[in-house]
Amino acid sequence: MKNLATELSRRRFVTAAVAGTIGGLSCLTRAEESPVKRPAQIAITLDLEMSRHYPRREIMEWDFEKGNLDDATKGYSVKAAQIAKKLGGLIHFFCVGRVLEQPDISWLQEIAAAGHPVGNHTYDHVNILAQEPEATQFRFQRAPWLVRGKTARQVIEENIRMTEIALAHRAKIAQRGFRTPGGFHNGLVERADVRGLLKGLGFDWVSSKYPRHQSGTPKQPPTDAVFADIIRAQAEAQPFVYPDGLVEIPMSPISDVTAFRSHFWKLEYFLKAVGQAVDWAIETGGVFDFLAHPSCLVVEDPGFEAIKLICRRVKQAGTRAAIVDLDTIAKNLLAQR
């Protein structure tokens, strides 16, 4: 979605719920509340990377090999794409570039050929807010010579550029948007330099914000207060526009790694939270951006229950909701301005 920023006007946007949650952040573009409730926009997004502690606890080496996807993760990704499409939906994937170094990438090409967009997730899963080159990724802390003589900004820019090139050259896939490795509770509000870097690389939207919320006590069932706080946080996960025109499409809580990896939730708890969040979006005409990782879900949700739940809730909602990609969410946001 190139050059969408040129479509921006000076009218204030963002839903009233979002305006309330971001309160005094005067640097953000705000919205006038629409008297007409719009159909909910539901996105299913999966980050193609390996996750520490999976497929079993205490596996930490994936921090250094985020793009070395195992067969189970790749197989889950393909099957998830097939299930979503069969149920009338689609999935927006975000690919770590080192995936493209593997000998067989036909599974990724199959996903793209079926109409599922694939976005940029950096080459090594780098922290784009890092100030020092070694701090961008565990790999570079172990092997600092890989980034010797480079600034953090140079490492980050190279990581993003390489992923775009690798997707196009090896897989013949045109990247569709950018998601930051890791989510930041304030998005890129305080990092105009990073926003400028992304805009300079041709991106008109970014998915970087993941609002704070309660998750409960690890290994204990989440309380009603936890579920209520996750719903509260949905209003903070609504799209908005930064003052320089870059669109932010936040990740909606609760993510799979937060629920399962960090707090040892059971699948039933996760499905309850996801279902409530989707219902909230449908009732309010909001956006829900489901964030998960096949490397985690293949262990925690082998039956694809979360994806099935989302697709079925949206289908039941009829014209009140639609499953869309993040490009569509950004374009609709701009069209409403």
C-alpha atoms as a PDB file:
ATOM      1  CA  MET A   1       0.000   0.000   0.000  1.00  0.00           C
ATOM      2  CA  LYS A   2       2.384   2.634  -1.277  1.00  0.00           C
ATOM      3  CA  ASN A   3       1.863   6.379  -0.933  1.00  0.00           C
ATOM      4  CA  LEU A   4      -1.327   6.214   1.095  1.00  0.00           C
ATOM      5  CA  ALA A   5       0.048   9.072   3.146  1.00  0.00           C
ATOM      6  CA  THR A   6      -0.631  11.412   0.261  1.00  0.00           C
ATOM      7  CA  GLU A   7      -4.337  10.805   0.816  1.00  0.00           C
ATOM      8  CA  LEU A   8      -4.238  12.260   4.301  1.00  0.00           C
ATOM      9  CA  SER A   9      -6.266  15.331   5.099  1.00  0.00           C
ATOM     10  CA  ARG A  10      -6.164  17.476   8.207  1.00  0.00           C
ATOM     11  CA  ARG A  11      -9.494  16.298   9.570  1.00  0.00           C
ATOM     12  CA  ARG A  12      -9.356  14.685  12.955  1.00  0.00           C
ATOM     13  CA  PHE A  13     -10.161  10.993  13.107  1.00  0.00           C
ATOM     14  CA  VAL A  14      -9.801   7.938  15.382  1.00  0.00           C
ATOM     15  CA  THR A  15     -12.877   6.665  17.189  1.00  0.00           C
ATOM     16  CA  ALA A  16     -14.145   8.281  20.344  1.00  0.00           C
ATOM     17  CA  ALA A  17     -12.999   5.263  22.338  1.00  0.00           C
ATOM     18  CA  VAL A  18      -9.452   5.681  21.120  1.00  0.00           C
ATOM     19  CA  ALA A  19      -9.482   9.411  21.700  1.00  0.00           C
ATOM     20  CA  GLY A  20     -10.483   8.747  25.294  1.00  0.00           C
ATOM     21  CA  THR A  21      -7.748   6.234  25.915  1.00  0.00           C
ATOM     22  CA  ILE A  22      -4.917   8.272  24.452  1.00  0.00           C
ATOM     23  CA  GLY A  23      -6.090  11.312  26.380  1.00  0.00           C
ATOM     24  CA  GLY A  24      -3.351  13.864  26.598  1.00  0.00           C
ATOM     25  CA  LEU A  25      -1.236  12.567  23.738  1.00  0.00           C
ATOM     26  CA  SER A  26      -1.547  15.715  21.682  1.00  0.00           C
ATOM     27  CA  CYS A  27       0.896  14.372  19.098  1.00  0.00           C
ATOM     28  CA  LEU A  28      -1.700  11.915  17.779  1.00  0.00           C
ATOM     29  CA  THR A  29      -4.346  12.657  15.195  1.00  0.00           C
ATOM     30  CA  ARG A  30      -7.742  12.529  16.877  1.00  0.00           C
ATOM     31  CA  ALA A  31     -11.197  11.773  15.663  1.00  0.00           C
ATOM     32  CA  GLU A  32     -14.668  13.069  15.518  1.00  0.00           C
ATOM     33  CA  GLU A  33     -17.136  10.452  16.694  1.00  0.00           C
ATOM     34  CA  SER A  34     -19.252   9.094  13.870  1.00  0.00           C
ATOM     35  CA  PRO A  35     -22.984   8.825  14.574  1.00  0.00           C
ATOM     36  CA  VAL A  36     -23.080   5.680  12.406  1.00  0.00           C
ATOM     37  CA  LYS A  37     -21.571   2.498  13.800  1.00  0.00           C
ATOM     38  CA  ARG A  38     -19.379   0.955  11.124  1.00  0.00           C
ATOM     39  CA  PRO A  39     -18.978  -2.790  10.582  1.00  0.00           C
ATOM     40  CA  ALA A  40     -16.313  -4.338  12.767  1.00  0.00           C
ATOM     41  CA  GLN A  41     -13.020  -5.120  11.086  1.00  0.00           C
ATOM     42  CA  ILE A  42     -11.489  -8.357  12.323  1.00  0.00           C
ATOM     43  CA  ALA A  43      -7.958  -9.307  11.348  1.00  0.00           C
ATOM     44  CA  ILE A  44      -6.208 -12.614  11.956  1.00  0.00           C
ATOM     45  CA  THR A  45      -2.441 -12.144  11.982  1.00  0.00           C
ATOM     46  CA  LEU A  46       0.268 -14.753  12.476  1.00  0.00           C
ATOM     47  CA  ASP A  47       3.959 -13.979  12.939  1.00  0.00           C
ATOM     48  CA  LEU A  48       6.200 -16.501  11.182  1.00  0.00           C
ATOM     49  CA  GLU A  49       9.010 -16.996  13.678  1.00  0.00           C
ATOM     50  CA  MET A  50      10.155 -19.517  16.251  1.00  0.00           C
ATOM     51  CA  SER A  51       9.293 -18.880  19.922  1.00  0.00           C
ATOM     52  CA  ARG A  52      11.341 -19.672  22.996  1.00  0.00           C
ATOM     53  CA  HIS A  53       9.928 -22.469  25.179  1.00  0.00           C
ATOM     54  CA  TYR A  54       8.309 -24.184  22.188  1.00  0.00           C
ATOM     55  CA  PRO A  55       7.746 -26.968  21.322  1.00  0.00           C
ATOM     56  CA  ARG A  56       8.863 -27.636  24.906  1.00  0.00           C
ATOM     57  CA  ARG A  57       9.786 -25.477  27.869  1.00  0.00           C
ATOM     58  CA  GLU A  58      13.381 -24.362  28.418  1.00  0.00           C
ATOM     59  CA  ILE A  59      14.204 -24.210  24.704  1.00  0.00           C
ATOM     60  CA  MET A  60      15.900 -20.813  24.412  1.00  0.00           C
ATOM     61  CA  GLU A  61      18.030 -21.257  21.302  1.00  0.00           C
ATOM     62  CA  TRP A  62      15.225 -19.952  19.081  1.00  0.00           C
ATOM     63  CA  ASP A  63      16.099 -16.454  20.335  1.00  0.00           C
ATOM     64  CA  PHE A  64      19.175 -16.736  18.094  1.00  0.00           C
ATOM     65  CA  GLU A  65      17.419 -18.535  15.221  1.00  0.00           C
ATOM     66  CA  LYS A  66      14.036 -16.845  14.946  1.00  0.00           C
ATOM     67  CA  GLY A  67      13.754 -17.612  11.243  1.00  0.00           C
ATOM     68  CA  ASN A  68      14.703 -21.291  11.392  1.00  0.00           C
ATOM     69  CA  LEU A  69      11.116 -22.540  11.322  1.00  0.00           C
ATOM     70  CA  ASP A  70      10.621 -26.210  12.094  1.00  0.00           C
ATOM     71  CA  ASP A  71       8.353 -28.458  10.048  1.00  0.00           C
ATOM     72  CA  ALA A  72       5.544 -28.400  12.619  1.00  0.00           C
ATOM     73  CA  THR A  73       5.382 -24.589  12.549  1.00  0.00           C
ATOM     74  CA  LYS A  74       5.374 -24.443   8.770  1.00  0.00           C
ATOM     75  CA  GLY A  75       2.734 -27.128   8.537  1.00  0.00           C
ATOM     76  CA  TYR A  76       0.526 -25.333  11.055  1.00  0.00           C
ATOM     77  CA  SER A  77       0.832 -22.090   9.092  1.00  0.00           C
ATOM     78  CA  VAL A  78      -0.299 -23.736   5.864  1.00  0.00           C
ATOM     79  CA  LYS A  79      -3.208 -25.510   7.533  1.00  0.00           C
ATOM     80  CA  ALA A  80      -4.285 -22.337   9.349  1.00  0.00           C
ATOM     81  CA  ALA A  81      -4.392 -20.505   6.018  1.00  0.00           C
ATOM     82  CA  GLN A  82      -6.478 -23.284   4.488  1.00  0.00           C
ATOM     83  CA  ILE A  83      -8.941 -23.361   7.388  1.00  0.00           C
ATOM     84  CA  ALA A  84      -9.370 -19.585   7.429  1.00  0.00           C
ATOM     85  CA  LYS A  85     -10.046 -19.499   3.697  1.00  0.00           C
ATOM     86  CA  LYS A  86     -12.513 -22.387   3.911  1.00  0.00           C
ATOM     87  CA  LEU A  87     -14.417 -20.467   6.592  1.00  0.00           C
ATOM     88  CA  GLY A  88     -14.515 -17.308   4.493  1.00  0.00           C
ATOM     89  CA  GLY A  89     -11.566 -15.508   6.068  1.00  0.00           C
ATOM     90  CA  LEU A  90      -7.932 -14.800   5.444  1.00  0.00           C
ATOM     91  CA  ILE A  91      -4.745 -14.438   7.477  1.00  0.00           C
ATOM     92  CA  HIS A  92      -2.191 -11.641   7.317  1.00  0.00           C
ATOM     93  CA  PHE A  93       1.211 -13.250   7.910  1.00  0.00           C
ATOM     94  CA  PHE A  94       4.401 -11.465   8.958  1.00  0.00           C
ATOM     95  CA  CYS A  95       7.611 -13.186   7.936  1.00  0.00           C
ATOM     96  CA  VAL A  96      11.050 -13.055   9.537  1.00  0.00           C
ATOM     97  CA  GLY A  97      13.432 -12.785   6.591  1.00  0.00           C
ATOM     98  CA  ARG A  98      15.806 -15.584   7.569  1.00  0.00           C
ATOM     99  CA  VAL A  99      12.978 -17.985   6.785  1.00  0.00           C
ATOM    100  CA  LEU A 100      13.905 -17.388   3.148  1.00  0.00           C
ATOM    101  CA  GLU A 101      17.320 -19.027   3.713  1.00  0.00           C
ATOM    102  CA  GLN A 102      15.732 -22.428   4.229  1.00  0.00           C
ATOM    103  CA  PRO A 103      16.030 -24.887   1.322  1.00  0.00           C
ATOM    104  CA  ASP A 104      12.262 -25.251   0.832  1.00  0.00           C
ATOM    105  CA  ILE A 105       9.946 -22.260   0.922  1.00  0.00           C
ATOM    106  CA  SER A 106       7.161 -23.761  -1.195  1.00  0.00           C
ATOM    107  CA  TRP A 107       4.891 -23.734   1.879  1.00  0.00           C
ATOM    108  CA  LEU A 108       5.175 -19.931   2.100  1.00  0.00           C
ATOM    109  CA  GLN A 109       4.588 -19.544  -1.616  1.00  0.00           C
ATOM    110  CA  GLU A 110       1.503 -21.726  -1.262  1.00  0.00           C
ATOM    111  CA  ILE A 111       0.146 -19.413   1.447  1.00  0.00           C
ATOM    112  CA  ALA A 112       0.726 -16.318  -0.697  1.00  0.00           C
ATOM    113  CA  ALA A 113      -0.718 -17.950  -3.815  1.00  0.00           C
ATOM    114  CA  ALA A 114      -3.926 -18.649  -1.880  1.00  0.00           C
ATOM    115  CA  GLY A 115      -4.382 -14.904  -1.376  1.00  0.00           C
ATOM    116  CA  HIS A 116      -3.033 -14.435   2.133  1.00  0.00           C
ATOM    117  CA  PRO A 117      -0.844 -11.300   2.428  1.00  0.00           C
ATOM    118  CA  VAL A 118       2.688 -11.610   3.781  1.00  0.00           C
ATOM    119  CA  GLY A 119       4.271  -8.662   5.559  1.00  0.00           C
ATOM    120  CA  ASN A 120       7.758  -7.714   6.744  1.00  0.00           C
ATOM    121  CA  HIS A 121       8.851  -8.729  10.268  1.00  0.00           C
ATOM    122  CA  THR A 122      12.565  -7.824   9.836  1.00  0.00           C
ATOM    123  CA  TYR A 123      15.260 -10.292   8.866  1.00  0.00           C
ATOM    124  CA  ASP A 124      16.517 -11.315  12.316  1.00  0.00           C
ATOM    125  CA  HIS A 125      13.555 -10.240  14.486  1.00  0.00           C
ATOM    126  CA  VAL A 126      15.326  -7.082  15.622  1.00  0.00           C
ATOM    127  CA  ASN A 127      14.160  -4.586  18.224  1.00  0.00           C
ATOM    128  CA  ILE A 128      13.561  -1.449  16.182  1.00  0.00           C
ATOM    129  CA  LEU A 129      13.703   0.760  19.281  1.00  0.00           C
ATOM    130  CA  ALA A 130      17.221  -0.384  20.231  1.00  0.00           C
ATOM    131  CA  GLN A 131      19.857   2.327  20.609  1.00  0.00           C
ATOM    132  CA  GLU A 132      22.955   0.116  20.335  1.00  0.00           C
ATOM    133  CA  PRO A 133      23.643  -2.330  17.474  1.00  0.00           C
ATOM    134  CA  GLU A 134      24.263  -5.328  19.731  1.00  0.00           C
ATOM    135  CA  ALA A 135      20.976  -4.643  21.518  1.00  0.00           C
ATOM    136  CA  THR A 136      18.924  -5.134  18.361  1.00  0.00           C
ATOM    137  CA  GLN A 137      18.962  -8.949  18.624  1.00  0.00           C
ATOM    138  CA  PHE A 138      20.305 -11.779  20.798  1.00  0.00           C
ATOM    139  CA  ARG A 139      22.221 -13.073  17.784  1.00  0.00           C
ATOM    140  CA  PHE A 140      24.272  -9.898  17.652  1.00  0.00           C
ATOM    141  CA  GLN A 141      25.003 -10.025  21.366  1.00  0.00           C
ATOM    142  CA  ARG A 142      26.491 -13.488  20.851  1.00  0.00           C
ATOM    143  CA  ALA A 143      28.247 -12.488  17.621  1.00  0.00           C
ATOM    144  CA  PRO A 144      28.832  -8.699  17.783  1.00  0.00           C
ATOM    145  CA  TRP A 145      31.192  -8.835  14.802  1.00  0.00           C
ATOM    146  CA  LEU A 146      28.145  -9.268  12.573  1.00  0.00           C
ATOM    147  CA  VAL A 147      27.200  -5.644  13.234  1.00  0.00           C
ATOM    148  CA  ARG A 148      30.666  -4.221  13.773  1.00  0.00           C
ATOM    149  CA  GLY A 149      30.989  -0.654  12.522  1.00  0.00           C
ATOM    150  CA  LYS A 150      27.249  -0.197  12.137  1.00  0.00           C
ATOM    151  CA  THR A 151      24.857   1.964  14.102  1.00  0.00           C
ATOM    152  CA  ALA A 152      21.642   0.552  15.507  1.00  0.00           C
ATOM    153  CA  ARG A 153      19.699   2.453  12.860  1.00  0.00           C
ATOM    154  CA  GLN A 154      21.816   0.929  10.098  1.00  0.00           C
ATOM    155  CA  VAL A 155      21.255  -2.575  11.478  1.00  0.00           C
ATOM    156  CA  ILE A 156      17.504  -2.019  11.691  1.00  0.00           C
ATOM    157  CA  GLU A 157      17.228  -0.477   8.231  1.00  0.00           C
ATOM    158  CA  GLU A 158      19.292  -3.264   6.681  1.00  0.00           C
ATOM    159  CA  ASN A 159      17.157  -5.893   8.418  1.00  0.00           C
ATOM    160  CA  ILE A 160      13.973  -4.432   6.986  1.00  0.00           C
ATOM    161  CA  ARG A 161      15.382  -3.914   3.495  1.00  0.00           C
ATOM    162  CA  MET A 162      16.815  -7.436   3.344  1.00  0.00           C
ATOM    163  CA  THR A 163      13.455  -8.950   4.202  1.00  0.00           C
ATOM    164  CA  GLU A 164      11.728  -7.069   1.389  1.00  0.00           C
ATOM    165  CA  ILE A 165      14.450  -8.159  -1.032  1.00  0.00           C
ATOM    166  CA  ALA A 166      14.408 -11.778   0.156  1.00  0.00           C
ATOM    167  CA  LEU A 167      10.630 -12.052  -0.147  1.00  0.00           C
ATOM    168  CA  ALA A 168      10.699 -10.644  -3.670  1.00  0.00           C
ATOM    169  CA  HIS A 169      13.798 -12.478  -4.917  1.00  0.00           C
ATOM    170  CA  ARG A 170      13.358 -15.912  -3.359  1.00  0.00           C
ATOM    171  CA  ALA A 171       9.599 -16.215  -3.002  1.00  0.00           C
ATOM    172  CA  LYS A 172       8.342 -13.719  -5.589  1.00  0.00           C
ATOM    173  CA  ILE A 173       6.198 -12.162  -2.859  1.00  0.00           C
ATOM    174  CA  ALA A 174       5.602  -8.409  -2.595  1.00  0.00           C
ATOM    175  CA  GLN A 175       5.640  -7.446   1.080  1.00  0.00           C
ATOM    176  CA  ARG A 176       2.383  -6.215   2.567  1.00  0.00           C
ATOM    177  CA  GLY A 177       3.081  -3.908   5.471  1.00  0.00           C
ATOM    178  CA  PHE A 178       5.342  -3.994   8.516  1.00  0.00           C
ATOM    179  CA  ARG A 179       4.990  -5.407  12.014  1.00  0.00           C
ATOM    180  CA  THR A 180       7.564  -4.712  14.673  1.00  0.00           C
ATOM    181  CA  PRO A 181       9.123  -7.652  16.498  1.00  0.00           C
ATOM    182  CA  GLY A 182       7.651  -7.226  19.950  1.00  0.00           C
ATOM    183  CA  GLY A 183       4.867  -4.813  20.759  1.00  0.00           C
ATOM    184  CA  PHE A 184       5.222  -1.499  22.564  1.00  0.00           C
ATOM    185  CA  HIS A 185       2.504  -0.194  24.894  1.00  0.00           C
ATOM    186  CA  ASN A 186       2.867   3.312  23.476  1.00  0.00           C
ATOM    187  CA  GLY A 187       3.542   2.247  19.909  1.00  0.00           C
ATOM    188  CA  LEU A 188       5.927   4.648  18.175  1.00  0.00           C
ATOM    189  CA  VAL A 189       4.475   7.787  19.739  1.00  0.00           C
ATOM    190  CA  GLU A 190       7.831   8.857  21.157  1.00  0.00           C
ATOM    191  CA  ARG A 191       9.965   7.636  18.252  1.00  0.00           C
ATOM    192  CA  ALA A 192       9.519  10.004  15.338  1.00  0.00           C
ATOM    193  CA  ASP A 193      12.924   8.837  14.095  1.00  0.00           C
ATOM    194  CA  VAL A 194      11.715   5.251  13.709  1.00  0.00           C
ATOM    195  CA  ARG A 195       8.496   6.399  12.046  1.00  0.00           C
ATOM    196  CA  GLY A 196      10.580   8.432   9.626  1.00  0.00           C
ATOM    197  CA  LEU A 197      12.737   5.411   8.874  1.00  0.00           C
ATOM    198  CA  LEU A 198       9.684   3.292   8.082  1.00  0.00           C
ATOM    199  CA  LYS A 199       8.146   5.976   5.903  1.00  0.00           C
ATOM    200  CA  GLY A 200      11.455   6.336   4.106  1.00  0.00           C
ATOM    201  CA  LEU A 201      11.354   2.615   3.372  1.00  0.00           C
ATOM    202  CA  GLY A 202       7.952   3.033   1.743  1.00  0.00           C
ATOM    203  CA  PHE A 203       5.613   1.942   4.529  1.00  0.00           C
ATOM    204  CA  ASP A 204       2.365   3.800   5.108  1.00  0.00           C
ATOM    205  CA  TRP A 205       1.259   1.730   8.088  1.00  0.00           C
ATOM    206  CA  VAL A 206       2.889  -0.105  10.935  1.00  0.00           C
ATOM    207  CA  SER A 207       1.652  -2.589  13.534  1.00  0.00           C
ATOM    208  CA  SER A 208       3.721  -1.807  16.625  1.00  0.00           C
ATOM    209  CA  LYS A 209       1.438  -1.061  19.548  1.00  0.00           C
ATOM    210  CA  TYR A 210       0.359  -3.664  22.088  1.00  0.00           C
ATOM    211  CA  PRO A 211      -1.502  -2.027  24.995  1.00  0.00           C
ATOM    212  CA  ARG A 212      -0.897  -2.951  28.595  1.00  0.00           C
ATOM    213  CA  HIS A 213      -3.458  -5.185  30.259  1.00  0.00           C
ATOM    214  CA  GLN A 214      -3.864  -7.593  33.120  1.00  0.00           C
ATOM    215  CA  SER A 215      -3.039 -11.250  32.479  1.00  0.00           C
ATOM    216  CA  GLY A 216      -3.475 -12.731  35.936  1.00  0.00           C
ATOM    217  CA  THR A 217      -1.191 -14.892  38.042  1.00  0.00           C
ATOM    218  CA  PRO A 218       0.844 -17.488  36.131  1.00  0.00           C
ATOM    219  CA  LYS A 219      -0.523 -21.035  36.414  1.00  0.00           C
ATOM    220  CA  GLN A 220      -3.760 -19.716  37.962  1.00  0.00           C
ATOM    221  CA  PRO A 221      -7.107 -19.354  36.151  1.00  0.00           C
ATOM    222  CA  PRO A 222      -7.640 -15.746  35.028  1.00  0.00           C
ATOM    223  CA  THR A 223     -10.232 -13.920  37.107  1.00  0.00           C
ATOM    224  CA  ASP A 224     -13.246 -11.999  35.843  1.00  0.00           C
ATOM    225  CA  ALA A 225     -11.232  -8.839  36.472  1.00  0.00           C
ATOM    226  CA  VAL A 226      -8.546 -10.063  34.072  1.00  0.00           C
ATOM    227  CA  PHE A 227     -11.055 -10.749  31.302  1.00  0.00           C
ATOM    228  CA  ALA A 228     -12.660  -7.354  31.936  1.00  0.00           C
ATOM    229  CA  ASP A 229      -9.304  -5.594  31.680  1.00  0.00           C
ATOM    230  CA  ILE A 230      -8.522  -7.313  28.392  1.00  0.00           C
ATOM    231  CA  ILE A 231     -11.802  -5.967  27.036  1.00  0.00           C
ATOM    232  CA  ARG A 232     -10.974  -2.518  28.429  1.00  0.00           C
ATOM    233  CA  ALA A 233      -7.671  -2.620  26.544  1.00  0.00           C
ATOM    234  CA  GLN A 234      -9.419  -3.204  23.209  1.00  0.00           C
ATOM    235  CA  ALA A 235     -10.233   0.507  23.048  1.00  0.00           C
ATOM    236  CA  GLU A 236      -6.499   1.229  23.287  1.00  0.00           C
ATOM    237  CA  ALA A 237      -5.837  -1.131  20.386  1.00  0.00           C
ATOM    238  CA  GLN A 238      -7.764   0.854  17.778  1.00  0.00           C
ATOM    239  CA  PRO A 239      -6.037   2.248  14.654  1.00  0.00           C
ATOM    240  CA  PHE A 240      -4.906   5.844  14.595  1.00  0.00           C
ATOM    241  CA  VAL A 241      -2.652   8.171  12.629  1.00  0.00           C
ATOM    242  CA  TYR A 242       0.617   9.629  13.873  1.00  0.00           C
ATOM    243  CA  PRO A 243       1.170  13.353  13.202  1.00  0.00           C
ATOM    244  CA  ASP A 244       3.546  12.555  10.337  1.00  0.00           C
ATOM    245  CA  GLY A 245       0.857  10.511   8.555  1.00  0.00           C
ATOM    246  CA  LEU A 246       2.026   6.999   9.407  1.00  0.00           C
ATOM    247  CA  VAL A 247      -0.939   4.775  10.249  1.00  0.00           C
ATOM    248  CA  GLU A 248      -0.743   2.598  13.376  1.00  0.00           C
ATOM    249  CA  ILE A 249      -2.693  -0.662  13.502  1.00  0.00           C
ATOM    250  CA  PRO A 250      -2.207  -2.016  17.032  1.00  0.00           C
ATOM    251  CA  MET A 251      -2.115  -5.659  18.024  1.00  0.00           C
ATOM    252  CA  SER A 252      -5.115  -6.595  20.151  1.00  0.00           C
ATOM    253  CA  PRO A 253      -4.744  -8.391  23.473  1.00  0.00           C
ATOM    254  CA  ILE A 254      -4.370 -11.045  24.490  1.00  0.00           C
ATOM    255  CA  SER A 255      -1.575 -12.579  22.436  1.00  0.00           C
ATOM    256  CA  ASP A 256      -0.833 -16.271  22.518  1.00  0.00           C
ATOM    257  CA  VAL A 257       2.667 -15.869  23.965  1.00  0.00           C
ATOM    258  CA  THR A 258       1.343 -13.650  26.756  1.00  0.00           C
ATOM    259  CA  ALA A 259      -1.412 -16.089  27.616  1.00  0.00           C
ATOM    260  CA  PHE A 260       0.311 -19.420  27.120  1.00  0.00           C
ATOM    261  CA  ARG A 261       4.051 -18.842  27.409  1.00  0.00           C
ATOM    262  CA  SER A 262       4.119 -16.215  30.119  1.00  0.00           C
ATOM    263  CA  HIS A 263       1.031 -17.160  32.156  1.00  0.00           C
ATOM    264  CA  PHE A 264       0.479 -20.847  31.369  1.00  0.00           C
ATOM    265  CA  TRP A 265      -3.177 -20.352  30.398  1.00  0.00           C
ATOM    266  CA  LYS A 266      -5.324 -23.245  29.321  1.00  0.00           C
ATOM    267  CA  LEU A 267      -6.804 -23.102  25.842  1.00  0.00           C
ATOM    268  CA  GLU A 268     -10.315 -22.580  27.224  1.00  0.00           C
ATOM    269  CA  TYR A 269      -9.203 -19.351  28.933  1.00  0.00           C
ATOM    270  CA  PHE A 270      -7.597 -18.083  25.738  1.00  0.00           C
ATOM    271  CA  LEU A 271     -10.661 -18.866  23.639  1.00  0.00           C
ATOM    272  CA  LYS A 272     -12.879 -17.084  26.148  1.00  0.00           C
ATOM    273  CA  ALA A 273     -10.751 -13.935  25.980  1.00  0.00           C
ATOM    274  CA  VAL A 274     -10.569 -13.995  22.177  1.00  0.00           C
ATOM    275  CA  GLY A 275     -14.297 -14.576  21.851  1.00  0.00           C
ATOM    276  CA  GLN A 276     -15.124 -11.702  24.178  1.00  0.00           C
ATOM    277  CA  ALA A 277     -12.758  -9.379  22.297  1.00  0.00           C
ATOM    278  CA  VAL A 278     -14.300 -10.270  18.938  1.00  0.00           C
ATOM    279  CA  ASP A 279     -17.774  -9.712  20.374  1.00  0.00           C
ATOM    280  CA  TRP A 280     -16.655  -6.317  21.691  1.00  0.00           C
ATOM    281  CA  ALA A 281     -15.462  -5.300  18.237  1.00  0.00           C
ATOM    282  CA  ILE A 282     -18.709  -6.448  16.635  1.00  0.00           C
ATOM    283  CA  GLU A 283     -20.858  -4.589  19.161  1.00  0.00           C
ATOM    284  CA  THR A 284     -18.836  -1.360  18.950  1.00  0.00           C
ATOM    285  CA  GLY A 285     -17.951  -1.414  15.265  1.00  0.00           C
ATOM    286  CA  GLY A 286     -14.300  -1.533  16.254  1.00  0.00           C
ATOM    287  CA  VAL A 287     -11.168  -3.319  15.117  1.00  0.00           C
ATOM    288  CA  PHE A 288      -9.754  -6.545  16.518  1.00  0.00           C
ATOM    289  CA  ASP A 289      -6.278  -7.601  15.390  1.00  0.00           C
ATOM    290  CA  PHE A 290      -5.665 -11.168  16.586  1.00  0.00           C
ATOM    291  CA  LEU A 291      -1.962 -11.671  17.303  1.00  0.00           C
ATOM    292  CA  ALA A 292      -0.490 -15.155  17.433  1.00  0.00           C
ATOM    293  CA  HIS A 293       2.440 -17.336  16.399  1.00  0.00           C
ATOM    294  CA  PRO A 294       2.166 -20.738  14.687  1.00  0.00           C
ATOM    295  CA  SER A 295       5.230 -21.927  16.645  1.00  0.00           C
ATOM    296  CA  CYS A 296       3.197 -21.419  19.830  1.00  0.00           C
ATOM    297  CA  LEU A 297      -0.263 -22.381  18.597  1.00  0.00           C
ATOM    298  CA  VAL A 298       0.906 -25.692  17.147  1.00  0.00           C
ATOM    299  CA  VAL A 299       1.472 -26.780  20.740  1.00  0.00           C
ATOM    300  CA  GLU A 300      -1.252 -24.866  22.585  1.00  0.00           C
ATOM    301  CA  ASP A 301      -4.052 -24.919  19.989  1.00  0.00           C
ATOM    302  CA  PRO A 302      -3.388 -27.865  17.674  1.00  0.00           C
ATOM    303  CA  GLY A 303      -7.024 -27.948  16.572  1.00  0.00           C
ATOM    304  CA  PHE A 304      -6.997 -24.350  15.285  1.00  0.00           C
ATOM    305  CA  GLU A 305      -9.830 -23.516  17.657  1.00  0.00           C
ATOM    306  CA  ALA A 306      -8.988 -19.815  17.945  1.00  0.00           C
ATOM    307  CA  ILE A 307      -9.015 -19.268  14.191  1.00  0.00           C
ATOM    308  CA  LYS A 308     -12.231 -21.246  13.797  1.00  0.00           C
ATOM    309  CA  LEU A 309     -13.865 -19.278  16.609  1.00  0.00           C
ATOM    310  CA  ILE A 310     -12.984 -15.930  15.034  1.00  0.00           C
ATOM    311  CA  CYS A 311     -14.195 -16.921  11.576  1.00  0.00           C
ATOM    312  CA  ARG A 312     -17.464 -18.325  12.887  1.00  0.00           C
ATOM    313  CA  ARG A 313     -18.222 -15.309  15.104  1.00  0.00           C
ATOM    314  CA  VAL A 314     -17.694 -12.990  12.156  1.00  0.00           C
ATOM    315  CA  LYS A 315     -19.871 -15.117   9.900  1.00  0.00           C
ATOM    316  CA  GLN A 316     -22.640 -15.122  12.510  1.00  0.00           C
ATOM    317  CA  ALA A 317     -22.425 -11.319  12.694  1.00  0.00           C
ATOM    318  CA  GLY A 318     -23.399 -10.994   9.033  1.00  0.00           C
ATOM    319  CA  THR A 319     -23.010  -7.466   7.718  1.00  0.00           C
ATOM    320  CA  ARG A 320     -21.908  -6.194  11.130  1.00  0.00           C
ATOM    321  CA  ALA A 321     -18.371  -7.562  10.717  1.00  0.00           C
ATOM    322  CA  ALA A 322     -15.819  -8.711   8.166  1.00  0.00           C
ATOM    323  CA  ILE A 323     -12.456 -10.441   8.259  1.00  0.00           C
ATOM    324  CA  VAL A 324      -9.949  -8.163   6.555  1.00  0.00           C
ATOM    325  CA  ASP A 325      -6.210  -7.710   6.142  1.00  0.00           C
ATOM    326  CA  LEU A 326      -4.306  -4.824   7.695  1.00  0.00           C
ATOM    327  CA  ASP A 327      -4.024  -3.022   4.350  1.00  0.00           C
ATOM    328  CA  THR A 328      -7.805  -2.750   4.302  1.00  0.00           C
ATOM    329  CA  ILE A 329      -7.949  -1.440   7.858  1.00  0.00           C
ATOM    330  CA  ALA A 330      -5.445   1.294   6.973  1.00  0.00           C
ATOM    331  CA  LYS A 331      -7.263   2.236   3.767  1.00  0.00           C
ATOM    332  CA  ASN A 332     -10.624   2.391   5.531  1.00  0.00           C
ATOM    333  CA  LEU A 333      -9.146   4.593   8.223  1.00  0.00           C
ATOM    334  CA  LEU A 334      -7.849   7.028   5.637  1.00  0.00           C
ATOM    335  CA  ALA A 335     -11.122   6.962   3.697  1.00  0.00           C
ATOM    336  CA  GLN A 336     -13.004   8.074   6.797  1.00  0.00           C
ATOM    337  CA  ARG A 337     -10.835  11.162   7.230  1.00  0.00           C
END
